[in-house]
Amino acid sequence: MTTLDPAVADRLKRTAEGLVPAVVQQHDTGEVLMLGWMDDEALARTLATGRATYWSRSRREYWVKGETSGHRQWVREVRLDCDKDTLLVKVEQEGGACHTGDRTCFDADLLWAGPSRG
C-alpha cells in the first residue's frame, strides 16, 4: 500500500465513497481526454510512479491506465481545484484515452452546440 502525503490528503474533499473525480487533460494541447476516479491510494500511486492510476467503481479495483491496452498516461502535473474536490491530471497520452479506443471519451456524443459568435 502506498500512503498519500498527509499534507495532500488533508486538503482533499472526497465523496461519501472516499473518491475524488480526476479530469484528465493532454498536457500540451489542453484536450480533455477522460474522467477517472481516485481515492487516496490511487492518487498516492499516481504521484509515486508518474503513471495515472485510478479506482474502478464497477470492478472495485485499482487500474493503471494502459497496463493492458498499451494506451499509457504519463503524468506531467496534478492540480487541485479551488473547491478542493476535483483533480486535474495533465498527462502525455499514448494512443486512445477512452476504453473504446477513441482519443477522448468526449468525441462520440455531442448533446448541444451553441451558435457561433462573430
PDB file of N, CA and C in Angstrom:
ATOM      1  N   MET A   1       0.844  -1.189   0.000  1.00  0.00           N
ATOM      2  CA  MET A   1       0.000   0.000   0.000  1.00  0.00           C
ATOM      3  C   MET A   1       0.883   1.244   0.000  1.00  0.00           C
ATOM      4  N   THR A   2       0.543   2.185  -0.865  1.00  0.00           N
ATOM      5  CA  THR A   2       1.254   3.458  -0.935  1.00  0.00           C
ATOM      6  C   THR A   2       0.463   4.477  -0.142  1.00  0.00           C
ATOM      7  N   THR A   3       1.138   5.257   0.668  1.00  0.00           N
ATOM      8  CA  THR A   3       0.470   6.216   1.532  1.00  0.00           C
ATOM      9  C   THR A   3       0.553   7.617   0.942  1.00  0.00           C
ATOM     10  N   LEU A   4      -0.578   8.290   0.901  1.00  0.00           N
ATOM     11  CA  LEU A   4      -0.637   9.658   0.416  1.00  0.00           C
ATOM     12  C   LEU A   4      -0.083  10.599   1.475  1.00  0.00           C
ATOM     13  N   ASP A   5       0.730  11.536   1.047  1.00  0.00           N
ATOM     14  CA  ASP A   5       1.289  12.543   1.947  1.00  0.00           C
ATOM     15  C   ASP A   5       0.140  13.184   2.738  1.00  0.00           C
ATOM     16  N   PRO A   6       0.203  13.190   4.069  1.00  0.00           N
ATOM     17  CA  PRO A   6      -0.881  13.760   4.875  1.00  0.00           C
ATOM     18  C   PRO A   6      -1.180  15.224   4.543  1.00  0.00           C
ATOM     19  N   ALA A   7      -0.180  15.969   4.123  1.00  0.00           N
ATOM     20  CA  ALA A   7      -0.402  17.366   3.750  1.00  0.00           C
ATOM     21  C   ALA A   7      -1.299  17.473   2.516  1.00  0.00           C
ATOM     22  N   VAL A   8      -1.208  16.494   1.630  1.00  0.00           N
ATOM     23  CA  VAL A   8      -2.080  16.445   0.447  1.00  0.00           C
ATOM     24  C   VAL A   8      -3.439  15.876   0.850  1.00  0.00           C
ATOM     25  N   ALA A   9      -3.439  14.790   1.585  1.00  0.00           N
ATOM     26  CA  ALA A   9      -4.688  14.124   1.988  1.00  0.00           C
ATOM     27  C   ALA A   9      -5.609  15.068   2.760  1.00  0.00           C
ATOM     28  N   ASP A  10      -5.044  15.891   3.614  1.00  0.00           N
ATOM     29  CA  ASP A  10      -5.847  16.807   4.422  1.00  0.00           C
ATOM     30  C   ASP A  10      -6.556  17.872   3.588  1.00  0.00           C
ATOM     31  N   ARG A  11      -6.074  18.118   2.395  1.00  0.00           N
ATOM     32  CA  ARG A  11      -6.658  19.162   1.541  1.00  0.00           C
ATOM     33  C   ARG A  11      -7.822  18.665   0.693  1.00  0.00           C
ATOM     34  N   LEU A  12      -7.942  17.348   0.520  1.00  0.00           N
ATOM     35  CA  LEU A  12      -8.943  16.798  -0.393  1.00  0.00           C
ATOM     36  C   LEU A  12     -10.330  16.709   0.228  1.00  0.00           C
ATOM     37  N   LYS A  13     -11.330  17.064  -0.556  1.00  0.00           N
ATOM     38  CA  LYS A  13     -12.732  16.824  -0.199  1.00  0.00           C
ATOM     39  C   LYS A  13     -13.190  15.657  -1.056  1.00  0.00           C
ATOM     40  N   ARG A  14     -13.624  14.592  -0.418  1.00  0.00           N
ATOM     41  CA  ARG A  14     -13.980  13.357  -1.103  1.00  0.00           C
ATOM     42  C   ARG A  14     -15.486  13.118  -1.097  1.00  0.00           C
ATOM     43  N   THR A  15     -15.935  12.241  -2.004  1.00  0.00           N
ATOM     44  CA  THR A  15     -17.333  11.813  -1.988  1.00  0.00           C
ATOM     45  C   THR A  15     -17.535  10.929  -0.760  1.00  0.00           C
ATOM     46  N   ALA A  16     -18.775  10.524  -0.525  1.00  0.00           N
ATOM     47  CA  ALA A  16     -19.077   9.618   0.597  1.00  0.00           C
ATOM     48  C   ALA A  16     -18.325   8.299   0.464  1.00  0.00           C
ATOM     49  N   GLU A  17     -17.969   7.932  -0.781  1.00  0.00           N
ATOM     50  CA  GLU A  17     -17.226   6.694  -1.038  1.00  0.00           C
ATOM     51  C   GLU A  17     -15.716   6.892  -0.913  1.00  0.00           C
ATOM     52  N   GLY A  18     -15.285   8.111  -0.575  1.00  0.00           N
ATOM     53  CA  GLY A  18     -13.858   8.382  -0.416  1.00  0.00           C
ATOM     54  C   GLY A  18     -13.139   8.680  -1.719  1.00  0.00           C
ATOM     55  N   LEU A  19     -13.885   9.063  -2.744  1.00  0.00           N
ATOM     56  CA  LEU A  19     -13.311   9.292  -4.064  1.00  0.00           C
ATOM     57  C   LEU A  19     -13.271  10.769  -4.440  1.00  0.00           C
ATOM     58  N   VAL A  20     -12.368  11.084  -5.361  1.00  0.00           N
ATOM     59  CA  VAL A  20     -12.254  12.421  -5.926  1.00  0.00           C
ATOM     60  C   VAL A  20     -12.262  12.249  -7.447  1.00  0.00           C
ATOM     61  N   PRO A  21     -13.120  13.011  -8.167  1.00  0.00           N
ATOM     62  CA  PRO A  21     -13.074  12.922  -9.620  1.00  0.00           C
ATOM     63  C   PRO A  21     -11.771  13.514 -10.153  1.00  0.00           C
ATOM     64  N   ALA A  22     -11.242  12.887 -11.193  1.00  0.00           N
ATOM     65  CA  ALA A  22     -10.000  13.336 -11.817  1.00  0.00           C
ATOM     66  C   ALA A  22     -10.256  13.597 -13.295  1.00  0.00           C
ATOM     67  N   VAL A  23     -10.272  14.872 -13.664  1.00  0.00           N
ATOM     68  CA  VAL A  23     -10.395  15.263 -15.056  1.00  0.00           C
ATOM     69  C   VAL A  23      -9.008  15.107 -15.671  1.00  0.00           C
ATOM     70  N   VAL A  24      -8.934  14.385 -16.785  1.00  0.00           N
ATOM     71  CA  VAL A  24      -7.643  14.087 -17.404  1.00  0.00           C
ATOM     72  C   VAL A  24      -7.518  14.876 -18.704  1.00  0.00           C
ATOM     73  N   GLN A  25      -6.399  15.585 -18.818  1.00  0.00           N
ATOM     74  CA  GLN A  25      -6.183  16.512 -19.915  1.00  0.00           C
ATOM     75  C   GLN A  25      -4.817  16.275 -20.548  1.00  0.00           C
ATOM     76  N   GLN A  26      -4.740  16.345 -21.873  1.00  0.00           N
ATOM     77  CA  GLN A  26      -3.462  16.281 -22.563  1.00  0.00           C
ATOM     78  C   GLN A  26      -2.661  17.523 -22.161  1.00  0.00           C
ATOM     79  N   HIS A  27      -1.453  17.321 -21.666  1.00  0.00           N
ATOM     80  CA  HIS A  27      -0.695  18.408 -21.039  1.00  0.00           C
ATOM     81  C   HIS A  27      -0.337  19.542 -21.984  1.00  0.00           C
ATOM     82  N   ASP A  28      -0.093  19.271 -23.263  1.00  0.00           N
ATOM     83  CA  ASP A  28       0.389  20.326 -24.149  1.00  0.00           C
ATOM     84  C   ASP A  28      -0.684  20.979 -25.001  1.00  0.00           C
ATOM     85  N   THR A  29      -1.834  20.320 -25.190  1.00  0.00           N
ATOM     86  CA  THR A  29      -2.890  20.889 -26.031  1.00  0.00           C
ATOM     87  C   THR A  29      -4.111  21.334 -25.239  1.00  0.00           C
ATOM     88  N   GLY A  30      -4.246  20.832 -24.016  1.00  0.00           N
ATOM     89  CA  GLY A  30      -5.416  21.149 -23.214  1.00  0.00           C
ATOM     90  C   GLY A  30      -6.629  20.291 -23.539  1.00  0.00           C
ATOM     91  N   GLU A  31      -6.496  19.348 -24.469  1.00  0.00           N
ATOM     92  CA  GLU A  31      -7.600  18.474 -24.851  1.00  0.00           C
ATOM     93  C   GLU A  31      -8.052  17.650 -23.640  1.00  0.00           C
ATOM     94  N   VAL A  32      -9.359  17.673 -23.361  1.00  0.00           N
ATOM     95  CA  VAL A  32      -9.905  16.872 -22.269  1.00  0.00           C
ATOM     96  C   VAL A  32     -10.070  15.445 -22.778  1.00  0.00           C
ATOM     97  N   LEU A  33      -9.448  14.498 -22.078  1.00  0.00           N
ATOM     98  CA  LEU A  33      -9.401  13.111 -22.535  1.00  0.00           C
ATOM     99  C   LEU A  33     -10.429  12.211 -21.874  1.00  0.00           C
ATOM    100  N   MET A  34     -10.571  12.328 -20.566  1.00  0.00           N
ATOM    101  CA  MET A  34     -11.442  11.400 -19.846  1.00  0.00           C
ATOM    102  C   MET A  34     -11.678  11.897 -18.427  1.00  0.00           C
ATOM    103  N   LEU A  35     -12.537  11.192 -17.727  1.00  0.00           N
ATOM    104  CA  LEU A  35     -12.759  11.414 -16.308  1.00  0.00           C
ATOM    105  C   LEU A  35     -12.531  10.083 -15.611  1.00  0.00           C
ATOM    106  N   GLY A  36     -11.714  10.090 -14.580  1.00  0.00           N
ATOM    107  CA  GLY A  36     -11.490   8.906 -13.764  1.00  0.00           C
ATOM    108  C   GLY A  36     -11.760   9.247 -12.314  1.00  0.00           C
ATOM    109  N   TRP A  37     -11.659   8.264 -11.470  1.00  0.00           N
ATOM    110  CA  TRP A  37     -11.878   8.445 -10.032  1.00  0.00           C
ATOM    111  C   TRP A  37     -10.641   7.986  -9.278  1.00  0.00           C
ATOM    112  N   MET A  38     -10.262   8.747  -8.267  1.00  0.00           N
ATOM    113  CA  MET A  38      -9.117   8.392  -7.430  1.00  0.00           C
ATOM    114  C   MET A  38      -9.516   8.453  -5.970  1.00  0.00           C
ATOM    115  N   ASP A  39      -8.998   7.504  -5.211  1.00  0.00           N
ATOM    116  CA  ASP A  39      -9.038   7.616  -3.760  1.00  0.00           C
ATOM    117  C   ASP A  39      -7.613   7.948  -3.330  1.00  0.00           C
ATOM    118  N   ASP A  40      -7.368   7.977  -2.037  1.00  0.00           N
ATOM    119  CA  ASP A  40      -6.031   8.347  -1.552  1.00  0.00           C
ATOM    120  C   ASP A  40      -4.945   7.420  -2.097  1.00  0.00           C
ATOM    121  N   GLU A  41      -5.248   6.124  -2.138  1.00  0.00           N
ATOM    122  CA  GLU A  41      -4.276   5.146  -2.617  1.00  0.00           C
ATOM    123  C   GLU A  41      -3.954   5.367  -4.101  1.00  0.00           C
ATOM    124  N   ALA A  42      -4.984   5.565  -4.925  1.00  0.00           N
ATOM    125  CA  ALA A  42      -4.766   5.783  -6.360  1.00  0.00           C
ATOM    126  C   ALA A  42      -3.963   7.056  -6.594  1.00  0.00           C
ATOM    127  N   LEU A  43      -4.277   8.106  -5.868  1.00  0.00           N
ATOM    128  CA  LEU A  43      -3.528   9.352  -6.022  1.00  0.00           C
ATOM    129  C   LEU A  43      -2.092   9.173  -5.552  1.00  0.00           C
ATOM    130  N   ALA A  44      -1.898   8.484  -4.454  1.00  0.00           N
ATOM    131  CA  ALA A  44      -0.544   8.230  -3.952  1.00  0.00           C
ATOM    132  C   ALA A  44       0.270   7.431  -4.963  1.00  0.00           C
ATOM    133  N   ARG A  45      -0.341   6.408  -5.561  1.00  0.00           N
ATOM    134  CA  ARG A  45       0.357   5.607  -6.577  1.00  0.00           C
ATOM    135  C   ARG A  45       0.701   6.460  -7.799  1.00  0.00           C
ATOM    136  N   THR A  46      -0.234   7.309  -8.201  1.00  0.00           N
ATOM    137  CA  THR A  46      -0.014   8.192  -9.347  1.00  0.00           C
ATOM    138  C   THR A  46       1.170   9.117  -9.085  1.00  0.00           C
ATOM    139  N   LEU A  47       1.191   9.737  -7.924  1.00  0.00           N
ATOM    140  CA  LEU A  47       2.267  10.671  -7.584  1.00  0.00           C
ATOM    141  C   LEU A  47       3.611   9.961  -7.426  1.00  0.00           C
ATOM    142  N   ALA A  48       3.580   8.741  -6.928  1.00  0.00           N
ATOM    143  CA  ALA A  48       4.820   7.995  -6.699  1.00  0.00           C
ATOM    144  C   ALA A  48       5.425   7.439  -7.988  1.00  0.00           C
ATOM    145  N   THR A  49       4.571   7.054  -8.944  1.00  0.00           N
ATOM    146  CA  THR A  49       5.065   6.370 -10.138  1.00  0.00           C
ATOM    147  C   THR A  49       5.077   7.224 -11.404  1.00  0.00           C
ATOM    148  N   GLY A  50       4.283   8.306 -11.409  1.00  0.00           N
ATOM    149  CA  GLY A  50       4.156   9.102 -12.624  1.00  0.00           C
ATOM    150  C   GLY A  50       3.270   8.450 -13.667  1.00  0.00           C
ATOM    151  N   ARG A  51       2.605   7.371 -13.305  1.00  0.00           N
ATOM    152  CA  ARG A  51       1.641   6.674 -14.172  1.00  0.00           C
ATOM    153  C   ARG A  51       0.250   6.862 -13.571  1.00  0.00           C
ATOM    154  N   ALA A  52      -0.712   7.245 -14.406  1.00  0.00           N
ATOM    155  CA  ALA A  52      -2.061   7.506 -13.924  1.00  0.00           C
ATOM    156  C   ALA A  52      -2.715   6.223 -13.424  1.00  0.00           C
ATOM    157  N   THR A  53      -3.126   6.241 -12.161  1.00  0.00           N
ATOM    158  CA  THR A  53      -3.754   5.096 -11.513  1.00  0.00           C
ATOM    159  C   THR A  53      -5.118   5.536 -10.989  1.00  0.00           C
ATOM    160  N   TYR A  54      -6.129   4.734 -11.256  1.00  0.00           N
ATOM    161  CA  TYR A  54      -7.497   5.083 -10.908  1.00  0.00           C
ATOM    162  C   TYR A  54      -8.148   3.976 -10.091  1.00  0.00           C
ATOM    163  N   TRP A  55      -9.290   4.308  -9.485  1.00  0.00           N
ATOM    164  CA  TRP A  55     -10.120   3.340  -8.802  1.00  0.00           C
ATOM    165  C   TRP A  55     -11.312   3.052  -9.708  1.00  0.00           C
ATOM    166  N   SER A  56     -11.506   1.796 -10.057  1.00  0.00           N
ATOM    167  CA  SER A  56     -12.648   1.395 -10.872  1.00  0.00           C
ATOM    168  C   SER A  56     -13.847   1.183  -9.962  1.00  0.00           C
ATOM    169  N   ARG A  57     -14.859   2.005 -10.134  1.00  0.00           N
ATOM    170  CA  ARG A  57     -16.062   1.871  -9.315  1.00  0.00           C
ATOM    171  C   ARG A  57     -16.838   0.612  -9.672  1.00  0.00           C
ATOM    172  N   SER A  58     -16.783   0.167 -10.922  1.00  0.00           N
ATOM    173  CA  SER A  58     -17.523  -1.029 -11.323  1.00  0.00           C
ATOM    174  C   SER A  58     -16.797  -2.314 -10.925  1.00  0.00           C
ATOM    175  N   ARG A  59     -15.485  -2.341 -11.102  1.00  0.00           N
ATOM    176  CA  ARG A  59     -14.722  -3.558 -10.779  1.00  0.00           C
ATOM    177  C   ARG A  59     -14.214  -3.576  -9.342  1.00  0.00           C
ATOM    178  N   ARG A  60     -14.281  -2.421  -8.685  1.00  0.00           N
ATOM    179  CA  ARG A  60     -13.827  -2.301  -7.286  1.00  0.00           C
ATOM    180  C   ARG A  60     -12.355  -2.676  -7.150  1.00  0.00           C
ATOM    181  N   GLU A  61     -11.527  -2.116  -8.063  1.00  0.00           N
ATOM    182  CA  GLU A  61     -10.090  -2.383  -8.010  1.00  0.00           C
ATOM    183  C   GLU A  61      -9.332  -1.235  -8.658  1.00  0.00           C
ATOM    184  N   TYR A  62      -8.042  -1.167  -8.358  1.00  0.00           N
ATOM    185  CA  TYR A  62      -7.176  -0.157  -8.959  1.00  0.00           C
ATOM    186  C   TYR A  62      -6.786  -0.587 -10.355  1.00  0.00           C
ATOM    187  N   TRP A  63      -6.589   0.402 -11.225  1.00  0.00           N
ATOM    188  CA  TRP A  63      -6.079   0.111 -12.550  1.00  0.00           C
ATOM    189  C   TRP A  63      -5.156   1.237 -12.992  1.00  0.00           C
ATOM    190  N   VAL A  64      -4.075   0.824 -13.609  1.00  0.00           N
ATOM    191  CA  VAL A  64      -3.099   1.757 -14.161  1.00  0.00           C
ATOM    192  C   VAL A  64      -3.449   1.920 -15.633  1.00  0.00           C
ATOM    193  N   LYS A  65      -3.723   3.146 -16.038  1.00  0.00           N
ATOM    194  CA  LYS A  65      -4.138   3.396 -17.416  1.00  0.00           C
ATOM    195  C   LYS A  65      -3.079   2.894 -18.388  1.00  0.00           C
ATOM    196  N   GLY A  66      -3.501   2.024 -19.303  1.00  0.00           N
ATOM    197  CA  GLY A  66      -2.615   1.496 -20.326  1.00  0.00           C
ATOM    198  C   GLY A  66      -1.923   0.207 -19.967  1.00  0.00           C
ATOM    199  N   GLU A  67      -2.138  -0.293 -18.764  1.00  0.00           N
ATOM    200  CA  GLU A  67      -1.460  -1.519 -18.333  1.00  0.00           C
ATOM    201  C   GLU A  67      -1.793  -2.703 -19.239  1.00  0.00           C
ATOM    202  N   THR A  68      -3.032  -2.792 -19.686  1.00  0.00           N
ATOM    203  CA  THR A  68      -3.401  -3.884 -20.587  1.00  0.00           C
ATOM    204  C   THR A  68      -3.523  -3.420 -22.035  1.00  0.00           C
ATOM    205  N   SER A  69      -3.960  -2.187 -22.267  1.00  0.00           N
ATOM    206  CA  SER A  69      -4.183  -1.698 -23.637  1.00  0.00           C
ATOM    207  C   SER A  69      -2.927  -1.142 -24.294  1.00  0.00           C
ATOM    208  N   GLY A  70      -1.963  -0.721 -23.482  1.00  0.00           N
ATOM    209  CA  GLY A  70      -0.786  -0.045 -24.021  1.00  0.00           C
ATOM    210  C   GLY A  70      -0.993   1.444 -24.207  1.00  0.00           C
ATOM    211  N   HIS A  71      -2.203   1.929 -23.928  1.00  0.00           N
ATOM    212  CA  HIS A  71      -2.514   3.355 -24.073  1.00  0.00           C
ATOM    213  C   HIS A  71      -2.217   4.075 -22.753  1.00  0.00           C
ATOM    214  N   ARG A  72      -0.947   4.221 -22.483  1.00  0.00           N
ATOM    215  CA  ARG A  72      -0.484   4.736 -21.187  1.00  0.00           C
ATOM    216  C   ARG A  72      -0.696   6.235 -21.029  1.00  0.00           C
ATOM    217  N   GLN A  73      -0.779   6.628 -19.770  1.00  0.00           N
ATOM    218  CA  GLN A  73      -0.804   8.043 -19.419  1.00  0.00           C
ATOM    219  C   GLN A  73       0.395   8.326 -18.540  1.00  0.00           C
ATOM    220  N   TRP A  74       1.272   9.186 -19.031  1.00  0.00           N
ATOM    221  CA  TRP A  74       2.440   9.621 -18.279  1.00  0.00           C
ATOM    222  C   TRP A  74       2.090  10.964 -17.648  1.00  0.00           C
ATOM    223  N   VAL A  75       2.030  11.006 -16.343  1.00  0.00           N
ATOM    224  CA  VAL A  75       1.562  12.189 -15.623  1.00  0.00           C
ATOM    225  C   VAL A  75       2.634  13.271 -15.635  1.00  0.00           C
ATOM    226  N   ARG A  76       2.227  14.452 -16.056  1.00  0.00           N
ATOM    227  CA  ARG A  76       3.113  15.618 -16.079  1.00  0.00           C
ATOM    228  C   ARG A  76       2.832  16.576 -14.933  1.00  0.00           C
ATOM    229  N   GLU A  77       1.578  16.598 -14.479  1.00  0.00           N
ATOM    230  CA  GLU A  77       1.183  17.561 -13.452  1.00  0.00           C
ATOM    231  C   GLU A  77      -0.143  17.130 -12.843  1.00  0.00           C
ATOM    232  N   VAL A  78      -0.320  17.370 -11.553  1.00  0.00           N
ATOM    233  CA  VAL A  78      -1.606  17.138 -10.892  1.00  0.00           C
ATOM    234  C   VAL A  78      -1.956  18.405 -10.130  1.00  0.00           C
ATOM    235  N   ARG A  79      -3.157  18.901 -10.373  1.00  0.00           N
ATOM    236  CA  ARG A  79      -3.642  20.117  -9.711  1.00  0.00           C
ATOM    237  C   ARG A  79      -4.932  19.821  -8.956  1.00  0.00           C
ATOM    238  N   LEU A  80      -5.202  20.635  -7.957  1.00  0.00           N
ATOM    239  CA  LEU A  80      -6.425  20.543  -7.167  1.00  0.00           C
ATOM    240  C   LEU A  80      -7.237  21.804  -7.429  1.00  0.00           C
ATOM    241  N   ASP A  81      -8.534  21.663  -7.688  1.00  0.00           N
ATOM    242  CA  ASP A  81      -9.350  22.842  -7.977  1.00  0.00           C
ATOM    243  C   ASP A  81      -9.586  23.675  -6.728  1.00  0.00           C
ATOM    244  N   CYS A  82     -10.176  24.854  -6.922  1.00  0.00           N
ATOM    245  CA  CYS A  82     -10.348  25.824  -5.835  1.00  0.00           C
ATOM    246  C   CYS A  82     -11.250  25.307  -4.715  1.00  0.00           C
ATOM    247  N   ASP A  83     -12.187  24.407  -5.035  1.00  0.00           N
ATOM    248  CA  ASP A  83     -13.056  23.823  -4.007  1.00  0.00           C
ATOM    249  C   ASP A  83     -12.440  22.604  -3.340  1.00  0.00           C
ATOM    250  N   LYS A  84     -11.300  22.165  -3.874  1.00  0.00           N
ATOM    251  CA  LYS A  84     -10.543  21.029  -3.343  1.00  0.00           C
ATOM    252  C   LYS A  84     -11.292  19.694  -3.464  1.00  0.00           C
ATOM    253  N   ASP A  85     -12.218  19.633  -4.460  1.00  0.00           N
ATOM    254  CA  ASP A  85     -12.983  18.401  -4.630  1.00  0.00           C
ATOM    255  C   ASP A  85     -12.848  17.779  -6.016  1.00  0.00           C
ATOM    256  N   THR A  86     -11.941  18.303  -6.843  1.00  0.00           N
ATOM    257  CA  THR A  86     -11.702  17.751  -8.175  1.00  0.00           C
ATOM    258  C   THR A  86     -10.226  17.898  -8.519  1.00  0.00           C
ATOM    259  N   LEU A  87      -9.665  16.836  -9.081  1.00  0.00           N
ATOM    260  CA  LEU A  87      -8.277  16.864  -9.534  1.00  0.00           C
ATOM    261  C   LEU A  87      -8.224  17.125 -11.033  1.00  0.00           C
ATOM    262  N   LEU A  88      -7.192  17.812 -11.469  1.00  0.00           N
ATOM    263  CA  LEU A  88      -6.866  17.958 -12.879  1.00  0.00           C
ATOM    264  C   LEU A  88      -5.541  17.242 -13.079  1.00  0.00           C
ATOM    265  N   VAL A  89      -5.573  16.183 -13.876  1.00  0.00           N
ATOM    266  CA  VAL A  89      -4.382  15.381 -14.124  1.00  0.00           C
ATOM    267  C   VAL A  89      -3.943  15.645 -15.557  1.00  0.00           C
ATOM    268  N   LYS A  90      -2.809  16.311 -15.715  1.00  0.00           N
ATOM    269  CA  LYS A  90      -2.278  16.607 -17.042  1.00  0.00           C
ATOM    270  C   LYS A  90      -1.299  15.502 -17.416  1.00  0.00           C
ATOM    271  N   VAL A  91      -1.533  14.897 -18.571  1.00  0.00           N
ATOM    272  CA  VAL A  91      -0.787  13.703 -18.971  1.00  0.00           C
ATOM    273  C   VAL A  91      -0.227  13.830 -20.380  1.00  0.00           C
ATOM    274  N   GLU A  92       0.732  12.966 -20.662  1.00  0.00           N
ATOM    275  CA  GLU A  92       1.160  12.679 -22.022  1.00  0.00           C
ATOM    276  C   GLU A  92       0.470  11.368 -22.366  1.00  0.00           C
ATOM    277  N   GLN A  93      -0.525  11.430 -23.255  1.00  0.00           N
ATOM    278  CA  GLN A  93      -1.334  10.265 -23.602  1.00  0.00           C
ATOM    279  C   GLN A  93      -0.706   9.506 -24.749  1.00  0.00           C
ATOM    280  N   GLU A  94      -0.561   8.188 -24.590  1.00  0.00           N
ATOM    281  CA  GLU A  94      -0.149   7.298 -25.676  1.00  0.00           C
ATOM    282  C   GLU A  94      -1.387   6.593 -26.188  1.00  0.00           C
ATOM    283  N   GLY A  95      -1.726   6.774 -27.456  1.00  0.00           N
ATOM    284  CA  GLY A  95      -2.910   6.130 -28.020  1.00  0.00           C
ATOM    285  C   GLY A  95      -4.178   6.755 -27.488  1.00  0.00           C
ATOM    286  N   GLY A  96      -5.269   5.997 -27.579  1.00  0.00           N
ATOM    287  CA  GLY A  96      -6.564   6.497 -27.146  1.00  0.00           C
ATOM    288  C   GLY A  96      -6.711   6.483 -25.640  1.00  0.00           C
ATOM    289  N   ALA A  97      -7.403   7.490 -25.116  1.00  0.00           N
ATOM    290  CA  ALA A  97      -7.663   7.548 -23.676  1.00  0.00           C
ATOM    291  C   ALA A  97      -8.940   6.804 -23.305  1.00  0.00           C
ATOM    292  N   CYS A  98      -9.880   6.724 -24.250  1.00  0.00           N
ATOM    293  CA  CYS A  98     -11.171   6.104 -23.959  1.00  0.00           C
ATOM    294  C   CYS A  98     -11.079   4.581 -24.052  1.00  0.00           C
ATOM    295  N   HIS A  99     -11.876   3.895 -23.249  1.00  0.00           N
ATOM    296  CA  HIS A  99     -11.886   2.429 -23.288  1.00  0.00           C
ATOM    297  C   HIS A  99     -12.385   1.893 -24.633  1.00  0.00           C
ATOM    298  N   THR A 100     -13.028   2.754 -25.437  1.00  0.00           N
ATOM    299  CA  THR A 100     -13.493   2.355 -26.765  1.00  0.00           C
ATOM    300  C   THR A 100     -12.362   2.409 -27.797  1.00  0.00           C
ATOM    301  N   GLY A 101     -11.232   3.001 -27.402  1.00  0.00           N
ATOM    302  CA  GLY A 101     -10.115   3.168 -28.316  1.00  0.00           C
ATOM    303  C   GLY A 101     -10.035   4.561 -28.907  1.00  0.00           C
ATOM    304  N   ASP A 102     -11.099   5.374 -28.714  1.00  0.00           N
ATOM    305  CA  ASP A 102     -11.085   6.758 -29.198  1.00  0.00           C
ATOM    306  C   ASP A 102     -10.050   7.580 -28.444  1.00  0.00           C
ATOM    307  N   ARG A 103      -9.591   8.631 -29.083  1.00  0.00           N
ATOM    308  CA  ARG A 103      -8.604   9.528 -28.470  1.00  0.00           C
ATOM    309  C   ARG A 103      -9.131  10.095 -27.156  1.00  0.00           C
ATOM    310  N   THR A 104     -10.392  10.527 -27.144  1.00  0.00           N
ATOM    311  CA  THR A 104     -11.009  11.113 -25.964  1.00  0.00           C
ATOM    312  C   THR A 104     -12.381  10.476 -25.729  1.00  0.00           C
ATOM    313  N   CYS A 105     -12.808  10.460 -24.509  1.00  0.00           N
ATOM    314  CA  CYS A 105     -14.127   9.925 -24.172  1.00  0.00           C
ATOM    315  C   CYS A 105     -15.248  10.889 -24.555  1.00  0.00           C
ATOM    316  N   PHE A 106     -14.897  12.085 -25.014  1.00  0.00           N
ATOM    317  CA  PHE A 106     -15.898  13.116 -25.272  1.00  0.00           C
ATOM    318  C   PHE A 106     -16.118  13.399 -26.755  1.00  0.00           C
ATOM    319  N   ASP A 107     -15.711  12.488 -27.636  1.00  0.00           N
ATOM    320  CA  ASP A 107     -15.895  12.670 -29.076  1.00  0.00           C
ATOM    321  C   ASP A 107     -17.224  12.143 -29.596  1.00  0.00           C
ATOM    322  N   ALA A 108     -17.790  11.154 -28.959  1.00  0.00           N
ATOM    323  CA  ALA A 108     -18.859  10.364 -29.573  1.00  0.00           C
ATOM    324  C   ALA A 108     -20.258  10.965 -29.484  1.00  0.00           C
ATOM    325  N   ASP A 109     -20.573  11.773 -28.500  1.00  0.00           N
ATOM    326  CA  ASP A 109     -21.971  12.114 -28.255  1.00  0.00           C
ATOM    327  C   ASP A 109     -22.158  13.604 -27.972  1.00  0.00           C
ATOM    328  N   LEU A 110     -22.253  14.398 -29.026  1.00  0.00           N
ATOM    329  CA  LEU A 110     -22.481  15.837 -28.885  1.00  0.00           C
ATOM    330  C   LEU A 110     -23.938  16.074 -28.494  1.00  0.00           C
ATOM    331  N   LEU A 111     -24.156  16.641 -27.335  1.00  0.00           N
ATOM    332  CA  LEU A 111     -25.519  16.911 -26.860  1.00  0.00           C
ATOM    333  C   LEU A 111     -26.046  18.249 -27.360  1.00  0.00           C
ATOM    334  N   TRP A 112     -25.159  19.235 -27.495  1.00  0.00           N
ATOM    335  CA  TRP A 112     -25.605  20.574 -27.878  1.00  0.00           C
ATOM    336  C   TRP A 112     -24.398  21.373 -28.304  1.00  0.00           C
ATOM    337  N   ALA A 113     -24.572  22.202 -29.300  1.00  0.00           N
ATOM    338  CA  ALA A 113     -23.549  23.139 -29.735  1.00  0.00           C
ATOM    339  C   ALA A 113     -24.199  24.502 -29.882  1.00  0.00           C
ATOM    340  N   GLY A 114     -23.668  25.470 -29.185  1.00  0.00           N
ATOM    341  CA  GLY A 114     -24.232  26.812 -29.225  1.00  0.00           C
ATOM    342  C   GLY A 114     -23.965  27.491 -30.557  1.00  0.00           C
ATOM    343  N   PRO A 115     -24.675  28.592 -30.769  1.00  0.00           N
ATOM    344  CA  PRO A 115     -24.463  29.345 -32.013  1.00  0.00           C
ATOM    345  C   PRO A 115     -23.076  29.962 -32.040  1.00  0.00           C
ATOM    346  N   SER A 116     -22.534  30.086 -33.242  1.00  0.00           N
ATOM    347  CA  SER A 116     -21.219  30.722 -33.349  1.00  0.00           C
ATOM    348  C   SER A 116     -21.384  32.226 -33.155  1.00  0.00           C
ATOM    349  N   ARG A 117     -20.373  32.819 -32.594  1.00  0.00           N
ATOM    350  CA  ARG A 117     -20.406  34.259 -32.313  1.00  0.00           C
ATOM    351  C   ARG A 117     -19.431  34.960 -33.239  1.00  0.00           C
ATOM    352  N   GLY A 118     -19.892  36.017 -33.827  1.00  0.00           N
ATOM    353  CA  GLY A 118     -18.997  36.883 -34.560  1.00  0.00           C
ATOM    354  C   GLY A 118     -18.907  36.602 -35.980  1.00  0.00           C
TER     355      GLY A 118
END
